[in-house]
Amino acid sequence: MVRGRGGTADERRHVAAMRERKRRDLHREFTTLRFRALSEHGSWEGRRGIVPT
């Protein structure tokens, strides 16, 4: 999660954030969840077709 993509500014910020989280954890547990939309119904702010097919 912390390594990869060859030293970009984004990677360095992420590494620093993970180091700070480990140093002073605000929560007892940490999890990262990713969800994939299965379907789309209706519209949001007048937009349709947001979920890629």
PDB file of N, CA and C in Angstrom:
ATOM      1  N   MET A   1       0.821  -1.187   0.000  1.00  0.00           N
ATOM      2  CA  MET A   1       0.000   0.000   0.000  1.00  0.00           C
ATOM      3  C   MET A   1       0.868   1.255   0.000  1.00  0.00           C
ATOM      4  N   VAL A   2       2.004   1.218   0.653  1.00  0.00           N
ATOM      5  CA  VAL A   2       2.832   2.401   0.771  1.00  0.00           C
ATOM      6  C   VAL A   2       3.883   2.459  -0.327  1.00  0.00           C
ATOM      7  N   ARG A   3       4.317   1.335  -0.833  1.00  0.00           N
ATOM      8  CA  ARG A   3       5.388   1.304  -1.820  1.00  0.00           C
ATOM      9  C   ARG A   3       4.824   1.256  -3.235  1.00  0.00           C
ATOM     10  N   GLY A   4       5.643   1.713  -4.179  1.00  0.00           N
ATOM     11  CA  GLY A   4       5.259   1.620  -5.570  1.00  0.00           C
ATOM     12  C   GLY A   4       5.219   2.964  -6.266  1.00  0.00           C
ATOM     13  N   ARG A   5       5.184   2.937  -7.562  1.00  0.00           N
ATOM     14  CA  ARG A   5       5.050   4.098  -8.430  1.00  0.00           C
ATOM     15  C   ARG A   5       6.227   5.057  -8.394  1.00  0.00           C
ATOM     16  N   GLY A   6       7.370   4.633  -7.920  1.00  0.00           N
ATOM     17  CA  GLY A   6       8.632   5.315  -8.154  1.00  0.00           C
ATOM     18  C   GLY A   6       8.854   6.717  -7.632  1.00  0.00           C
ATOM     19  N   GLY A   7       8.491   7.045  -6.428  1.00  0.00           N
ATOM     20  CA  GLY A   7       8.916   8.283  -5.788  1.00  0.00           C
ATOM     21  C   GLY A   7       8.209   9.554  -6.220  1.00  0.00           C
ATOM     22  N   THR A   8       6.976   9.480  -6.645  1.00  0.00           N
ATOM     23  CA  THR A   8       6.235  10.686  -7.005  1.00  0.00           C
ATOM     24  C   THR A   8       5.851  11.455  -5.743  1.00  0.00           C
ATOM     25  N   ALA A   9       5.437  12.701  -5.935  1.00  0.00           N
ATOM     26  CA  ALA A   9       5.024  13.529  -4.793  1.00  0.00           C
ATOM     27  C   ALA A   9       3.833  12.895  -4.080  1.00  0.00           C
ATOM     28  N   ASP A  10       2.895  12.330  -4.840  1.00  0.00           N
ATOM     29  CA  ASP A  10       1.731  11.677  -4.231  1.00  0.00           C
ATOM     30  C   ASP A  10       2.159  10.505  -3.361  1.00  0.00           C
ATOM     31  N   GLU A  11       3.124   9.732  -3.848  1.00  0.00           N
ATOM     32  CA  GLU A  11       3.591   8.586  -3.068  1.00  0.00           C
ATOM     33  C   GLU A  11       4.248   9.050  -1.775  1.00  0.00           C
ATOM     34  N   ARG A  12       5.060  10.087  -1.850  1.00  0.00           N
ATOM     35  CA  ARG A  12       5.724  10.581  -0.635  1.00  0.00           C
ATOM     36  C   ARG A  12       4.716  11.082   0.388  1.00  0.00           C
ATOM     37  N   ARG A  13       3.639  11.763  -0.071  1.00  0.00           N
ATOM     38  CA  ARG A  13       2.591  12.213   0.855  1.00  0.00           C
ATOM     39  C   ARG A  13       1.901  11.020   1.499  1.00  0.00           C
ATOM     40  N   HIS A  14       1.651   9.978   0.694  1.00  0.00           N
ATOM     41  CA  HIS A  14       0.977   8.791   1.223  1.00  0.00           C
ATOM     42  C   HIS A  14       1.855   8.095   2.260  1.00  0.00           C
ATOM     43  N   VAL A  15       3.133   7.967   1.975  1.00  0.00           N
ATOM     44  CA  VAL A  15       4.073   7.350   2.919  1.00  0.00           C
ATOM     45  C   VAL A  15       4.082   8.148   4.219  1.00  0.00           C
ATOM     46  N   ALA A  16       4.132   9.463   4.125  1.00  0.00           N
ATOM     47  CA  ALA A  16       4.131  10.313   5.325  1.00  0.00           C
ATOM     48  C   ALA A  16       2.835  10.145   6.110  1.00  0.00           C
ATOM     49  N   ALA A  17       1.702  10.055   5.413  1.00  0.00           N
ATOM     50  CA  ALA A  17       0.416   9.881   6.090  1.00  0.00           C
ATOM     51  C   ALA A  17       0.356   8.540   6.812  1.00  0.00           C
ATOM     52  N   MET A  18       0.848   7.480   6.182  1.00  0.00           N
ATOM     53  CA  MET A  18       0.836   6.162   6.827  1.00  0.00           C
ATOM     54  C   MET A  18       1.781   6.139   8.028  1.00  0.00           C
ATOM     55  N   ARG A  19       2.914   6.820   7.921  1.00  0.00           N
ATOM     56  CA  ARG A  19       3.853   6.900   9.048  1.00  0.00           C
ATOM     57  C   ARG A  19       3.200   7.635  10.224  1.00  0.00           C
ATOM     58  N   GLU A  20       2.500   8.740   9.938  1.00  0.00           N
ATOM     59  CA  GLU A  20       1.819   9.502  10.989  1.00  0.00           C
ATOM     60  C   GLU A  20       0.691   8.692  11.606  1.00  0.00           C
ATOM     61  N   ARG A  21      -0.036   7.949  10.784  1.00  0.00           N
ATOM     62  CA  ARG A  21      -1.121   7.108  11.309  1.00  0.00           C
ATOM     63  C   ARG A  21      -0.571   6.062  12.265  1.00  0.00           C
ATOM     64  N   LYS A  22       0.566   5.496  11.920  1.00  0.00           N
ATOM     65  CA  LYS A  22       1.179   4.489  12.793  1.00  0.00           C
ATOM     66  C   LYS A  22       1.683   5.130  14.092  1.00  0.00           C
ATOM     67  N   ARG A  23       2.224   6.352  13.987  1.00  0.00           N
ATOM     68  CA  ARG A  23       2.758   7.040  15.164  1.00  0.00           C
ATOM     69  C   ARG A  23       1.642   7.446  16.125  1.00  0.00           C
ATOM     70  N   ARG A  24       0.568   7.990  15.604  1.00  0.00           N
ATOM     71  CA  ARG A  24      -0.508   8.511  16.450  1.00  0.00           C
ATOM     72  C   ARG A  24      -1.840   8.068  15.858  1.00  0.00           C
ATOM     73  N   ASP A  25      -2.181   6.839  16.088  1.00  0.00           N
ATOM     74  CA  ASP A  25      -3.389   6.260  15.527  1.00  0.00           C
ATOM     75  C   ASP A  25      -4.623   6.829  16.227  1.00  0.00           C
ATOM     76  N   LEU A  26      -5.537   7.384  15.442  1.00  0.00           N
ATOM     77  CA  LEU A  26      -6.754   7.953  16.015  1.00  0.00           C
ATOM     78  C   LEU A  26      -7.795   6.886  16.321  1.00  0.00           C
ATOM     79  N   HIS A  27      -7.684   5.754  15.659  1.00  0.00           N
ATOM     80  CA  HIS A  27      -8.649   4.683  15.829  1.00  0.00           C
ATOM     81  C   HIS A  27      -7.904   3.400  16.196  1.00  0.00           C
ATOM     82  N   ARG A  28      -8.595   2.499  16.819  1.00  0.00           N
ATOM     83  CA  ARG A  28      -7.964   1.251  17.212  1.00  0.00           C
ATOM     84  C   ARG A  28      -7.707   0.337  16.025  1.00  0.00           C
ATOM     85  N   GLU A  29      -8.559   0.413  15.022  1.00  0.00           N
ATOM     86  CA  GLU A  29      -8.409  -0.445  13.850  1.00  0.00           C
ATOM     87  C   GLU A  29      -8.501   0.399  12.590  1.00  0.00           C
ATOM     88  N   PHE A  30      -7.919  -0.087  11.519  1.00  0.00           N
ATOM     89  CA  PHE A  30      -7.905   0.639  10.257  1.00  0.00           C
ATOM     90  C   PHE A  30      -8.274  -0.329   9.144  1.00  0.00           C
ATOM     91  N   THR A  31      -9.123   0.122   8.246  1.00  0.00           N
ATOM     92  CA  THR A  31      -9.477  -0.708   7.095  1.00  0.00           C
ATOM     93  C   THR A  31      -9.692   0.179   5.878  1.00  0.00           C
ATOM     94  N   THR A  32      -9.419  -0.366   4.725  1.00  0.00           N
ATOM     95  CA  THR A  32      -9.690   0.322   3.469  1.00  0.00           C
ATOM     96  C   THR A  32     -10.653  -0.548   2.684  1.00  0.00           C
ATOM     97  N   LEU A  33     -11.768   0.031   2.293  1.00  0.00           N
ATOM     98  CA  LEU A  33     -12.772  -0.714   1.552  1.00  0.00           C
ATOM     99  C   LEU A  33     -12.933  -0.103   0.173  1.00  0.00           C
ATOM    100  N   ARG A  34     -13.071  -0.952  -0.818  1.00  0.00           N
ATOM    101  CA  ARG A  34     -13.350  -0.495  -2.179  1.00  0.00           C
ATOM    102  C   ARG A  34     -14.589  -1.215  -2.667  1.00  0.00           C
ATOM    103  N   PHE A  35     -15.486  -0.457  -3.241  1.00  0.00           N
ATOM    104  CA  PHE A  35     -16.733  -1.025  -3.722  1.00  0.00           C
ATOM    105  C   PHE A  35     -16.836  -0.809  -5.228  1.00  0.00           C
ATOM    106  N   ARG A  36     -17.384  -1.755  -5.920  1.00  0.00           N
ATOM    107  CA  ARG A  36     -17.629  -1.651  -7.352  1.00  0.00           C
ATOM    108  C   ARG A  36     -19.136  -1.635  -7.565  1.00  0.00           C
ATOM    109  N   ALA A  37     -19.594  -0.613  -8.260  1.00  0.00           N
ATOM    110  CA  ALA A  37     -21.033  -0.507  -8.524  1.00  0.00           C
ATOM    111  C   ALA A  37     -21.465  -1.625  -9.465  1.00  0.00           C
ATOM    112  N   LEU A  38     -22.564  -2.256  -9.138  1.00  0.00           N
ATOM    113  CA  LEU A  38     -23.082  -3.344  -9.971  1.00  0.00           C
ATOM    114  C   LEU A  38     -24.046  -2.841 -11.026  1.00  0.00           C
ATOM    115  N   SER A  39     -24.786  -1.784 -10.693  1.00  0.00           N
ATOM    116  CA  SER A  39     -25.733  -1.224 -11.655  1.00  0.00           C
ATOM    117  C   SER A  39     -26.049   0.209 -11.257  1.00  0.00           C
ATOM    118  N   GLU A  40     -26.737   0.890 -12.144  1.00  0.00           N
ATOM    119  CA  GLU A  40     -27.093   2.286 -11.909  1.00  0.00           C
ATOM    120  C   GLU A  40     -28.567   2.476 -12.222  1.00  0.00           C
ATOM    121  N   HIS A  41     -29.262   3.189 -11.355  1.00  0.00           N
ATOM    122  CA  HIS A  41     -30.694   3.445 -11.518  1.00  0.00           C
ATOM    123  C   HIS A  41     -30.955   4.918 -11.262  1.00  0.00           C
ATOM    124  N   GLY A  42     -31.678   5.575 -12.167  1.00  0.00           N
ATOM    125  CA  GLY A  42     -32.029   6.973 -11.967  1.00  0.00           C
ATOM    126  C   GLY A  42     -30.908   7.918 -12.359  1.00  0.00           C
ATOM    127  N   SER A  43     -30.916   9.109 -11.748  1.00  0.00           N
ATOM    128  CA  SER A  43     -29.906  10.118 -12.068  1.00  0.00           C
ATOM    129  C   SER A  43     -29.436  10.784 -10.783  1.00  0.00           C
ATOM    130  N   TRP A  44     -28.296  11.458 -10.869  1.00  0.00           N
ATOM    131  CA  TRP A  44     -27.737  12.181  -9.728  1.00  0.00           C
ATOM    132  C   TRP A  44     -27.262  13.529 -10.252  1.00  0.00           C
ATOM    133  N   GLU A  45     -27.796  14.594  -9.687  1.00  0.00           N
ATOM    134  CA  GLU A  45     -27.501  15.963 -10.129  1.00  0.00           C
ATOM    135  C   GLU A  45     -27.693  16.084 -11.641  1.00  0.00           C
ATOM    136  N   GLY A  46     -28.741  15.436 -12.153  1.00  0.00           N
ATOM    137  CA  GLY A  46     -29.064  15.508 -13.568  1.00  0.00           C
ATOM    138  C   GLY A  46     -28.171  14.670 -14.470  1.00  0.00           C
ATOM    139  N   ARG A  47     -27.270  13.885 -13.900  1.00  0.00           N
ATOM    140  CA  ARG A  47     -26.349  13.086 -14.697  1.00  0.00           C
ATOM    141  C   ARG A  47     -26.761  11.614 -14.685  1.00  0.00           C
ATOM    142  N   ARG A  48     -26.569  10.973 -15.799  1.00  0.00           N
ATOM    143  CA  ARG A  48     -26.814   9.542 -15.940  1.00  0.00           C
ATOM    144  C   ARG A  48     -25.566   8.917 -16.559  1.00  0.00           C
ATOM    145  N   GLY A  49     -25.442   7.607 -16.473  1.00  0.00           N
ATOM    146  CA  GLY A  49     -24.302   6.931 -17.100  1.00  0.00           C
ATOM    147  C   GLY A  49     -22.991   7.166 -16.374  1.00  0.00           C
ATOM    148  N   ILE A  50     -23.043   7.337 -15.064  1.00  0.00           N
ATOM    149  CA  ILE A  50     -21.838   7.585 -14.282  1.00  0.00           C
ATOM    150  C   ILE A  50     -21.038   6.291 -14.113  1.00  0.00           C
ATOM    151  N   VAL A  51     -21.747   5.189 -13.885  1.00  0.00           N
ATOM    152  CA  VAL A  51     -21.091   3.893 -13.692  1.00  0.00           C
ATOM    153  C   VAL A  51     -20.637   3.368 -15.056  1.00  0.00           C
ATOM    154  N   PRO A  52     -19.327   3.089 -15.213  1.00  0.00           N
ATOM    155  CA  PRO A  52     -18.865   2.551 -16.493  1.00  0.00           C
ATOM    156  C   PRO A  52     -19.448   1.173 -16.764  1.00  0.00           C
ATOM    157  N   THR A  53     -19.703   0.887 -18.024  1.00  0.00           N
ATOM    158  CA  THR A  53     -20.248  -0.414 -18.381  1.00  0.00           C
ATOM    159  C   THR A  53     -19.198  -1.279 -19.045  1.00  0.00           C
TER     160      THR A  53
END
